[in-house]
Amino acid sequence: MRKLALLALCVVTVSTTVAQKNKQKINRAADHFMVQLSYDSWLGMPDSINQAQSGFSRGANVYVMLDKPFKNNSRFSIGFGLGISTSNMVFKRMEVDITSNQPTLPFTSLSGQSYFKKYKLSTTHAEIPVELRFMKDPTQPKKTFKAAAGIKVGTLLKAQTKAKNLLDAQGNPIGSYTEKQSSKTYFNSTRIAATARIGYGIFSIHGAYTLNNLFKDGVAPEINTLQIGITFSGL
């Protein structure tokens, strides 16, 4: 009887453990949000533009993602989705006239002239990201090491400059107002970027590097965008 009781106890224990593991696997989300905040920089800028960069140029990305684990190894999965990516480049004493009719995009230095206290160039893309993912313990996605590498393809929705609070050459206020200009004329309509991230639980560090030029050929310097920042994601 003792042997039978011990055997029954073992069976119950194993069954409970298996059930718990299965439940943990079932609880792994198939879809989730991925939110990214980044520091943005332009690579390939000539000194005349680079010297006018000032302040904290930043970006934000929000995606809805689907996660498809490999059947033979659930630590690996493919993630793909759809979302919006924004990038805001900050300048001081410079005007980027994206509404110009000139054949090349004017980057005009305003040194010794009136200028706006706050000035930024913003782009907004709709993107489709695809990732190859690794999760050390797929049964506990919020308490394990994670890494991912992939690519994202985007289409330009909007390009805009925003200027606020006009100052004279000495920095004295002239007018308190906001000026916005919008045009996609000089920009590439398609953006392709390589991506990578590494982290623990819902937090990770990410990077994205555009593989093609931000601007159309011949209208501006060849510039690639680099984003480095923090990701909040369930997977």
C-alpha atoms as a PDB file:
ATOM      1  CA  MET A   1       0.000   0.000   0.000  1.00  0.00           C
ATOM      2  CA  ARG A   2       2.825   2.369   0.825  1.00  0.00           C
ATOM      3  CA  LYS A   3       4.387   1.749  -2.609  1.00  0.00           C
ATOM      4  CA  LEU A   4       1.044   2.365  -4.330  1.00  0.00           C
ATOM      5  CA  ALA A   5       0.502   5.546  -2.326  1.00  0.00           C
ATOM      6  CA  LEU A   6       4.026   6.728  -3.131  1.00  0.00           C
ATOM      7  CA  LEU A   7       3.514   5.942  -6.828  1.00  0.00           C
ATOM      8  CA  ALA A   8       0.201   7.800  -6.856  1.00  0.00           C
ATOM      9  CA  LEU A   9       1.834  10.801  -5.181  1.00  0.00           C
ATOM     10  CA  CYS A  10       4.594  10.818  -7.800  1.00  0.00           C
ATOM     11  CA  VAL A  11       2.062  10.658 -10.645  1.00  0.00           C
ATOM     12  CA  VAL A  12       0.067  13.542  -9.166  1.00  0.00           C
ATOM     13  CA  THR A  13       3.222  15.602  -8.657  1.00  0.00           C
ATOM     14  CA  VAL A  14       4.450  15.024 -12.219  1.00  0.00           C
ATOM     15  CA  SER A  15       0.992  15.719 -13.649  1.00  0.00           C
ATOM     16  CA  THR A  16       0.738  18.963 -11.691  1.00  0.00           C
ATOM     17  CA  THR A  17       4.204  20.057 -12.833  1.00  0.00           C
ATOM     18  CA  VAL A  18       3.426  19.293 -16.476  1.00  0.00           C
ATOM     19  CA  ALA A  19       0.105  21.092 -16.212  1.00  0.00           C
ATOM     20  CA  GLN A  20       1.807  24.134 -14.729  1.00  0.00           C
ATOM     21  CA  LYS A  21       4.399  24.175 -17.515  1.00  0.00           C
ATOM     22  CA  ASN A  22       1.707  23.801 -20.140  1.00  0.00           C
ATOM     23  CA  LYS A  23      -0.236  26.620 -18.549  1.00  0.00           C
ATOM     24  CA  GLN A  24       2.866  28.784 -18.581  1.00  0.00           C
ATOM     25  CA  LYS A  25       3.315  28.096 -22.287  1.00  0.00           C
ATOM     26  CA  ILE A  26      -0.336  28.871 -22.985  1.00  0.00           C
ATOM     27  CA  ASN A  27      -0.011  32.158 -21.099  1.00  0.00           C
ATOM     28  CA  ARG A  28       2.702  33.365 -23.489  1.00  0.00           C
ATOM     29  CA  ALA A  29       1.123  36.239 -25.388  1.00  0.00           C
ATOM     30  CA  ALA A  30       0.733  35.872 -29.141  1.00  0.00           C
ATOM     31  CA  ASP A  31       0.467  39.637 -29.640  1.00  0.00           C
ATOM     32  CA  HIS A  32       1.721  42.686 -27.766  1.00  0.00           C
ATOM     33  CA  PHE A  33       2.645  46.354 -27.981  1.00  0.00           C
ATOM     34  CA  MET A  34       6.248  47.475 -28.435  1.00  0.00           C
ATOM     35  CA  VAL A  35       7.094  51.060 -27.445  1.00  0.00           C
ATOM     36  CA  GLN A  36      10.512  52.594 -28.127  1.00  0.00           C
ATOM     37  CA  LEU A  37      12.052  55.908 -27.035  1.00  0.00           C
ATOM     38  CA  SER A  38      15.352  56.904 -28.608  1.00  0.00           C
ATOM     39  CA  TYR A  39      18.146  59.391 -29.070  1.00  0.00           C
ATOM     40  CA  ASP A  40      18.409  60.116 -32.802  1.00  0.00           C
ATOM     41  CA  SER A  41      21.421  61.239 -34.813  1.00  0.00           C
ATOM     42  CA  TRP A  42      22.242  61.809 -38.466  1.00  0.00           C
ATOM     43  CA  LEU A  43      25.354  60.061 -39.782  1.00  0.00           C
ATOM     44  CA  GLY A  44      27.171  61.554 -42.753  1.00  0.00           C
ATOM     45  CA  MET A  45      26.367  65.202 -42.035  1.00  0.00           C
ATOM     46  CA  PRO A  46      28.852  67.811 -43.266  1.00  0.00           C
ATOM     47  CA  ASP A  47      30.302  70.062 -40.555  1.00  0.00           C
ATOM     48  CA  SER A  48      28.125  72.987 -41.648  1.00  0.00           C
ATOM     49  CA  ILE A  49      24.998  71.046 -40.604  1.00  0.00           C
ATOM     50  CA  ASN A  50      26.532  69.129 -37.711  1.00  0.00           C
ATOM     51  CA  GLN A  51      27.589  72.337 -35.960  1.00  0.00           C
ATOM     52  CA  ALA A  52      23.986  73.555 -35.984  1.00  0.00           C
ATOM     53  CA  GLN A  53      22.663  70.455 -34.243  1.00  0.00           C
ATOM     54  CA  SER A  54      21.693  71.360 -30.703  1.00  0.00           C
ATOM     55  CA  GLY A  55      19.629  69.930 -27.882  1.00  0.00           C
ATOM     56  CA  PHE A  56      18.234  66.433 -27.594  1.00  0.00           C
ATOM     57  CA  SER A  57      17.180  64.989 -30.949  1.00  0.00           C
ATOM     58  CA  ARG A  58      14.753  62.198 -30.195  1.00  0.00           C
ATOM     59  CA  GLY A  59      12.444  59.578 -31.637  1.00  0.00           C
ATOM     60  CA  ALA A  60       9.492  57.448 -30.606  1.00  0.00           C
ATOM     61  CA  ASN A  61       8.150  54.243 -32.132  1.00  0.00           C
ATOM     62  CA  VAL A  62       4.948  52.337 -31.345  1.00  0.00           C
ATOM     63  CA  TYR A  63       4.160  48.935 -32.871  1.00  0.00           C
ATOM     64  CA  VAL A  64       1.537  46.231 -32.577  1.00  0.00           C
ATOM     65  CA  MET A  65       3.430  42.937 -32.875  1.00  0.00           C
ATOM     66  CA  LEU A  66       2.607  39.264 -33.399  1.00  0.00           C
ATOM     67  CA  ASP A  67       4.919  36.558 -32.027  1.00  0.00           C
ATOM     68  CA  LYS A  68       5.203  33.131 -33.687  1.00  0.00           C
ATOM     69  CA  PRO A  69       7.439  30.649 -31.770  1.00  0.00           C
ATOM     70  CA  PHE A  70       9.296  27.923 -33.646  1.00  0.00           C
ATOM     71  CA  LYS A  71       7.587  24.563 -33.161  1.00  0.00           C
ATOM     72  CA  ASN A  72      10.836  22.658 -32.618  1.00  0.00           C
ATOM     73  CA  ASN A  73      12.351  25.261 -30.233  1.00  0.00           C
ATOM     74  CA  SER A  74      10.089  27.763 -28.481  1.00  0.00           C
ATOM     75  CA  ARG A  75      13.064  29.846 -27.342  1.00  0.00           C
ATOM     76  CA  PHE A  76      13.213  31.196 -30.884  1.00  0.00           C
ATOM     77  CA  SER A  77      10.397  33.035 -32.617  1.00  0.00           C
ATOM     78  CA  ILE A  78       9.547  35.391 -35.444  1.00  0.00           C
ATOM     79  CA  GLY A  79       7.993  38.726 -34.528  1.00  0.00           C
ATOM     80  CA  PHE A  80       6.286  40.983 -37.055  1.00  0.00           C
ATOM     81  CA  GLY A  81       3.832  43.831 -36.928  1.00  0.00           C
ATOM     82  CA  LEU A  82       2.796  47.334 -37.925  1.00  0.00           C
ATOM     83  CA  GLY A  83       3.384  50.723 -36.349  1.00  0.00           C
ATOM     84  CA  ILE A  84       4.428  54.368 -36.450  1.00  0.00           C
ATOM     85  CA  SER A  85       7.955  55.777 -36.137  1.00  0.00           C
ATOM     86  CA  THR A  86       8.798  59.437 -35.511  1.00  0.00           C
ATOM     87  CA  SER A  87      12.144  61.246 -35.524  1.00  0.00           C
ATOM     88  CA  ASN A  88      12.772  64.831 -34.374  1.00  0.00           C
ATOM     89  CA  MET A  89      16.081  66.492 -35.229  1.00  0.00           C
ATOM     90  CA  VAL A  90      16.827  69.700 -33.299  1.00  0.00           C
ATOM     91  CA  PHE A  91      18.777  72.622 -34.811  1.00  0.00           C
ATOM     92  CA  LYS A  92      20.023  75.991 -33.536  1.00  0.00           C
ATOM     93  CA  ARG A  93      20.508  79.063 -35.720  1.00  0.00           C
ATOM     94  CA  MET A  94      19.644  77.100 -38.856  1.00  0.00           C
ATOM     95  CA  GLU A  95      16.674  76.927 -41.210  1.00  0.00           C
ATOM     96  CA  VAL A  96      15.882  73.783 -43.229  1.00  0.00           C
ATOM     97  CA  ASP A  97      13.570  75.019 -45.982  1.00  0.00           C
ATOM     98  CA  ILE A  98      11.741  71.829 -46.961  1.00  0.00           C
ATOM     99  CA  THR A  99       9.132  73.859 -48.908  1.00  0.00           C
ATOM    100  CA  SER A 100      11.774  75.425 -51.172  1.00  0.00           C
ATOM    101  CA  ASN A 101      11.531  75.194 -54.984  1.00  0.00           C
ATOM    102  CA  GLN A 102      15.303  74.915 -55.381  1.00  0.00           C
ATOM    103  CA  PRO A 103      16.786  71.705 -56.838  1.00  0.00           C
ATOM    104  CA  THR A 104      18.727  71.104 -53.609  1.00  0.00           C
ATOM    105  CA  LEU A 105      17.427  71.336 -50.046  1.00  0.00           C
ATOM    106  CA  PRO A 106      18.617  74.599 -48.429  1.00  0.00           C
ATOM    107  CA  PHE A 107      20.270  74.275 -45.006  1.00  0.00           C
ATOM    108  CA  THR A 108      20.700  77.975 -44.192  1.00  0.00           C
ATOM    109  CA  SER A 109      22.883  79.167 -41.318  1.00  0.00           C
ATOM    110  CA  LEU A 110      21.275  82.023 -39.374  1.00  0.00           C
ATOM    111  CA  SER A 111      24.441  83.096 -37.571  1.00  0.00           C
ATOM    112  CA  GLY A 112      24.275  86.861 -37.058  1.00  0.00           C
ATOM    113  CA  GLN A 113      20.579  86.916 -38.008  1.00  0.00           C
ATOM    114  CA  SER A 114      17.262  86.522 -36.244  1.00  0.00           C
ATOM    115  CA  TYR A 115      16.429  82.894 -35.472  1.00  0.00           C
ATOM    116  CA  PHE A 116      13.939  80.717 -33.626  1.00  0.00           C
ATOM    117  CA  LYS A 117      14.696  79.639 -30.074  1.00  0.00           C
ATOM    118  CA  LYS A 118      13.319  76.160 -30.798  1.00  0.00           C
ATOM    119  CA  TYR A 119      13.594  74.571 -34.243  1.00  0.00           C
ATOM    120  CA  LYS A 120      13.191  70.960 -35.289  1.00  0.00           C
ATOM    121  CA  LEU A 121      12.726  68.820 -38.381  1.00  0.00           C
ATOM    122  CA  SER A 122      10.343  65.901 -37.857  1.00  0.00           C
ATOM    123  CA  THR A 123       9.575  62.848 -39.965  1.00  0.00           C
ATOM    124  CA  THR A 124       6.823  60.287 -39.470  1.00  0.00           C
ATOM    125  CA  HIS A 125       6.858  56.822 -41.067  1.00  0.00           C
ATOM    126  CA  ALA A 126       4.448  53.898 -41.117  1.00  0.00           C
ATOM    127  CA  GLU A 127       6.587  50.777 -40.638  1.00  0.00           C
ATOM    128  CA  ILE A 128       6.484  46.996 -40.830  1.00  0.00           C
ATOM    129  CA  PRO A 129       9.111  45.508 -38.462  1.00  0.00           C
ATOM    130  CA  VAL A 130      10.254  41.859 -38.631  1.00  0.00           C
ATOM    131  CA  GLU A 131      12.466  40.282 -35.937  1.00  0.00           C
ATOM    132  CA  LEU A 132      14.198  36.981 -35.251  1.00  0.00           C
ATOM    133  CA  ARG A 133      13.890  36.635 -31.472  1.00  0.00           C
ATOM    134  CA  PHE A 134      15.572  34.628 -28.744  1.00  0.00           C
ATOM    135  CA  MET A 135      14.150  34.171 -25.240  1.00  0.00           C
ATOM    136  CA  LYS A 136      16.138  32.162 -22.697  1.00  0.00           C
ATOM    137  CA  ASP A 137      13.049  30.994 -20.751  1.00  0.00           C
ATOM    138  CA  PRO A 138       9.870  31.270 -22.870  1.00  0.00           C
ATOM    139  CA  THR A 139       7.688  30.200 -19.923  1.00  0.00           C
ATOM    140  CA  GLN A 140       8.577  33.417 -18.041  1.00  0.00           C
ATOM    141  CA  PRO A 141       8.817  36.190 -20.642  1.00  0.00           C
ATOM    142  CA  LYS A 142       8.832  38.936 -17.993  1.00  0.00           C
ATOM    143  CA  LYS A 143      11.756  37.426 -16.075  1.00  0.00           C
ATOM    144  CA  THR A 144      14.276  36.272 -18.637  1.00  0.00           C
ATOM    145  CA  PHE A 145      17.040  37.375 -21.009  1.00  0.00           C
ATOM    146  CA  LYS A 146      15.957  38.353 -24.523  1.00  0.00           C
ATOM    147  CA  ALA A 147      17.595  39.378 -27.785  1.00  0.00           C
ATOM    148  CA  ALA A 148      16.344  40.166 -31.267  1.00  0.00           C
ATOM    149  CA  ALA A 149      17.651  41.233 -34.669  1.00  0.00           C
ATOM    150  CA  GLY A 150      15.706  42.187 -37.728  1.00  0.00           C
ATOM    151  CA  ILE A 151      14.717  44.705 -40.338  1.00  0.00           C
ATOM    152  CA  LYS A 152      11.922  47.215 -40.765  1.00  0.00           C
ATOM    153  CA  VAL A 153      10.506  48.793 -43.905  1.00  0.00           C
ATOM    154  CA  GLY A 154       8.657  52.088 -43.769  1.00  0.00           C
ATOM    155  CA  THR A 155       6.876  54.620 -45.941  1.00  0.00           C
ATOM    156  CA  LEU A 156       7.038  58.353 -45.268  1.00  0.00           C
ATOM    157  CA  LEU A 157       3.761  59.825 -44.023  1.00  0.00           C
ATOM    158  CA  LYS A 158       4.890  63.351 -43.150  1.00  0.00           C
ATOM    159  CA  ALA A 159       7.924  65.638 -43.027  1.00  0.00           C
ATOM    160  CA  GLN A 160       7.615  68.909 -41.135  1.00  0.00           C
ATOM    161  CA  THR A 161       9.635  71.713 -39.591  1.00  0.00           C
ATOM    162  CA  LYS A 162       8.402  73.416 -36.431  1.00  0.00           C
ATOM    163  CA  ALA A 163       9.835  76.724 -35.232  1.00  0.00           C
ATOM    164  CA  LYS A 164       8.891  78.503 -32.012  1.00  0.00           C
ATOM    165  CA  ASN A 165       9.679  81.900 -30.431  1.00  0.00           C
ATOM    166  CA  LEU A 166      11.583  84.257 -32.753  1.00  0.00           C
ATOM    167  CA  LEU A 167      14.745  85.916 -31.353  1.00  0.00           C
ATOM    168  CA  ASP A 168      16.987  88.643 -32.765  1.00  0.00           C
ATOM    169  CA  ALA A 169      20.677  88.072 -33.503  1.00  0.00           C
ATOM    170  CA  GLN A 170      21.561  88.842 -29.869  1.00  0.00           C
ATOM    171  CA  GLY A 171      18.997  86.367 -28.528  1.00  0.00           C
ATOM    172  CA  ASN A 172      16.362  88.900 -27.479  1.00  0.00           C
ATOM    173  CA  PRO A 173      12.680  87.984 -27.995  1.00  0.00           C
ATOM    174  CA  ILE A 174      10.997  89.418 -31.101  1.00  0.00           C
ATOM    175  CA  GLY A 175       7.807  87.425 -31.345  1.00  0.00           C
ATOM    176  CA  SER A 176       6.179  84.551 -29.492  1.00  0.00           C
ATOM    177  CA  TYR A 177       4.543  82.303 -32.066  1.00  0.00           C
ATOM    178  CA  THR A 178       4.897  78.920 -33.764  1.00  0.00           C
ATOM    179  CA  GLU A 179       5.621  78.401 -37.461  1.00  0.00           C
ATOM    180  CA  LYS A 180       5.102  75.042 -39.188  1.00  0.00           C
ATOM    181  CA  GLN A 181       6.024  73.978 -42.720  1.00  0.00           C
ATOM    182  CA  SER A 182       5.315  70.591 -44.270  1.00  0.00           C
ATOM    183  CA  SER A 183       6.574  68.933 -47.465  1.00  0.00           C
ATOM    184  CA  LYS A 184       7.878  65.507 -48.535  1.00  0.00           C
ATOM    185  CA  THR A 185       9.485  66.755 -51.762  1.00  0.00           C
ATOM    186  CA  TYR A 186      13.139  66.238 -50.817  1.00  0.00           C
ATOM    187  CA  PHE A 187      12.712  63.014 -48.823  1.00  0.00           C
ATOM    188  CA  ASN A 188      12.893  59.373 -49.837  1.00  0.00           C
ATOM    189  CA  SER A 189       9.421  57.879 -49.621  1.00  0.00           C
ATOM    190  CA  THR A 190      10.780  54.476 -48.504  1.00  0.00           C
ATOM    191  CA  ARG A 191      12.982  53.755 -45.497  1.00  0.00           C
ATOM    192  CA  ILE A 192      14.758  50.474 -44.737  1.00  0.00           C
ATOM    193  CA  ALA A 193      16.518  49.967 -41.404  1.00  0.00           C
ATOM    194  CA  ALA A 194      18.438  47.174 -39.673  1.00  0.00           C
ATOM    195  CA  THR A 195      17.403  46.677 -36.037  1.00  0.00           C
ATOM    196  CA  ALA A 196      18.710  44.948 -32.911  1.00  0.00           C
ATOM    197  CA  ARG A 197      17.789  44.862 -29.235  1.00  0.00           C
ATOM    198  CA  ILE A 198      18.901  43.087 -26.074  1.00  0.00           C
ATOM    199  CA  GLY A 199      17.440  43.127 -22.581  1.00  0.00           C
ATOM    200  CA  TYR A 200      15.730  41.459 -19.648  1.00  0.00           C
ATOM    201  CA  GLY A 201      12.010  41.124 -19.034  1.00  0.00           C
ATOM    202  CA  ILE A 202       9.966  43.934 -20.546  1.00  0.00           C
ATOM    203  CA  PHE A 203      12.967  46.295 -20.854  1.00  0.00           C
ATOM    204  CA  SER A 204      15.657  46.278 -23.533  1.00  0.00           C
ATOM    205  CA  ILE A 205      18.171  48.501 -25.288  1.00  0.00           C
ATOM    206  CA  HIS A 206      17.559  48.882 -28.999  1.00  0.00           C
ATOM    207  CA  GLY A 207      19.321  50.285 -32.022  1.00  0.00           C
ATOM    208  CA  ALA A 208      18.174  50.997 -35.576  1.00  0.00           C
ATOM    209  CA  TYR A 209      20.297  52.092 -38.546  1.00  0.00           C
ATOM    210  CA  THR A 210      18.764  53.162 -41.853  1.00  0.00           C
ATOM    211  CA  LEU A 211      20.303  51.396 -44.828  1.00  0.00           C
ATOM    212  CA  ASN A 212      19.223  53.967 -47.401  1.00  0.00           C
ATOM    213  CA  ASN A 213      19.573  57.729 -47.666  1.00  0.00           C
ATOM    214  CA  LEU A 214      17.073  59.911 -45.794  1.00  0.00           C
ATOM    215  CA  PHE A 215      16.896  62.281 -48.763  1.00  0.00           C
ATOM    216  CA  LYS A 216      16.465  61.705 -52.479  1.00  0.00           C
ATOM    217  CA  ASP A 217      19.672  61.380 -54.501  1.00  0.00           C
ATOM    218  CA  GLY A 218      21.341  64.670 -55.345  1.00  0.00           C
ATOM    219  CA  VAL A 219      19.102  66.992 -53.316  1.00  0.00           C
ATOM    220  CA  ALA A 220      21.016  66.877 -50.012  1.00  0.00           C
ATOM    221  CA  PRO A 221      24.040  65.199 -48.369  1.00  0.00           C
ATOM    222  CA  GLU A 222      23.799  61.419 -48.016  1.00  0.00           C
ATOM    223  CA  ILE A 223      22.491  61.004 -44.482  1.00  0.00           C
ATOM    224  CA  ASN A 224      21.589  57.841 -42.564  1.00  0.00           C
ATOM    225  CA  THR A 225      19.635  57.932 -39.324  1.00  0.00           C
ATOM    226  CA  LEU A 226      20.777  56.116 -36.175  1.00  0.00           C
ATOM    227  CA  GLN A 227      18.396  55.506 -33.264  1.00  0.00           C
ATOM    228  CA  ILE A 228      19.577  54.206 -29.872  1.00  0.00           C
ATOM    229  CA  GLY A 229      17.208  53.926 -26.947  1.00  0.00           C
ATOM    230  CA  ILE A 230      14.958  51.958 -24.613  1.00  0.00           C
ATOM    231  CA  THR A 231      12.256  49.464 -25.580  1.00  0.00           C
ATOM    232  CA  PHE A 232       9.244  48.459 -23.483  1.00  0.00           C
ATOM    233  CA  SER A 233       7.779  45.203 -24.761  1.00  0.00           C
ATOM    234  CA  GLY A 234       6.092  42.034 -23.570  1.00  0.00           C
ATOM    235  CA  LEU A 235       8.285  39.887 -25.812  1.00  0.00           C
END
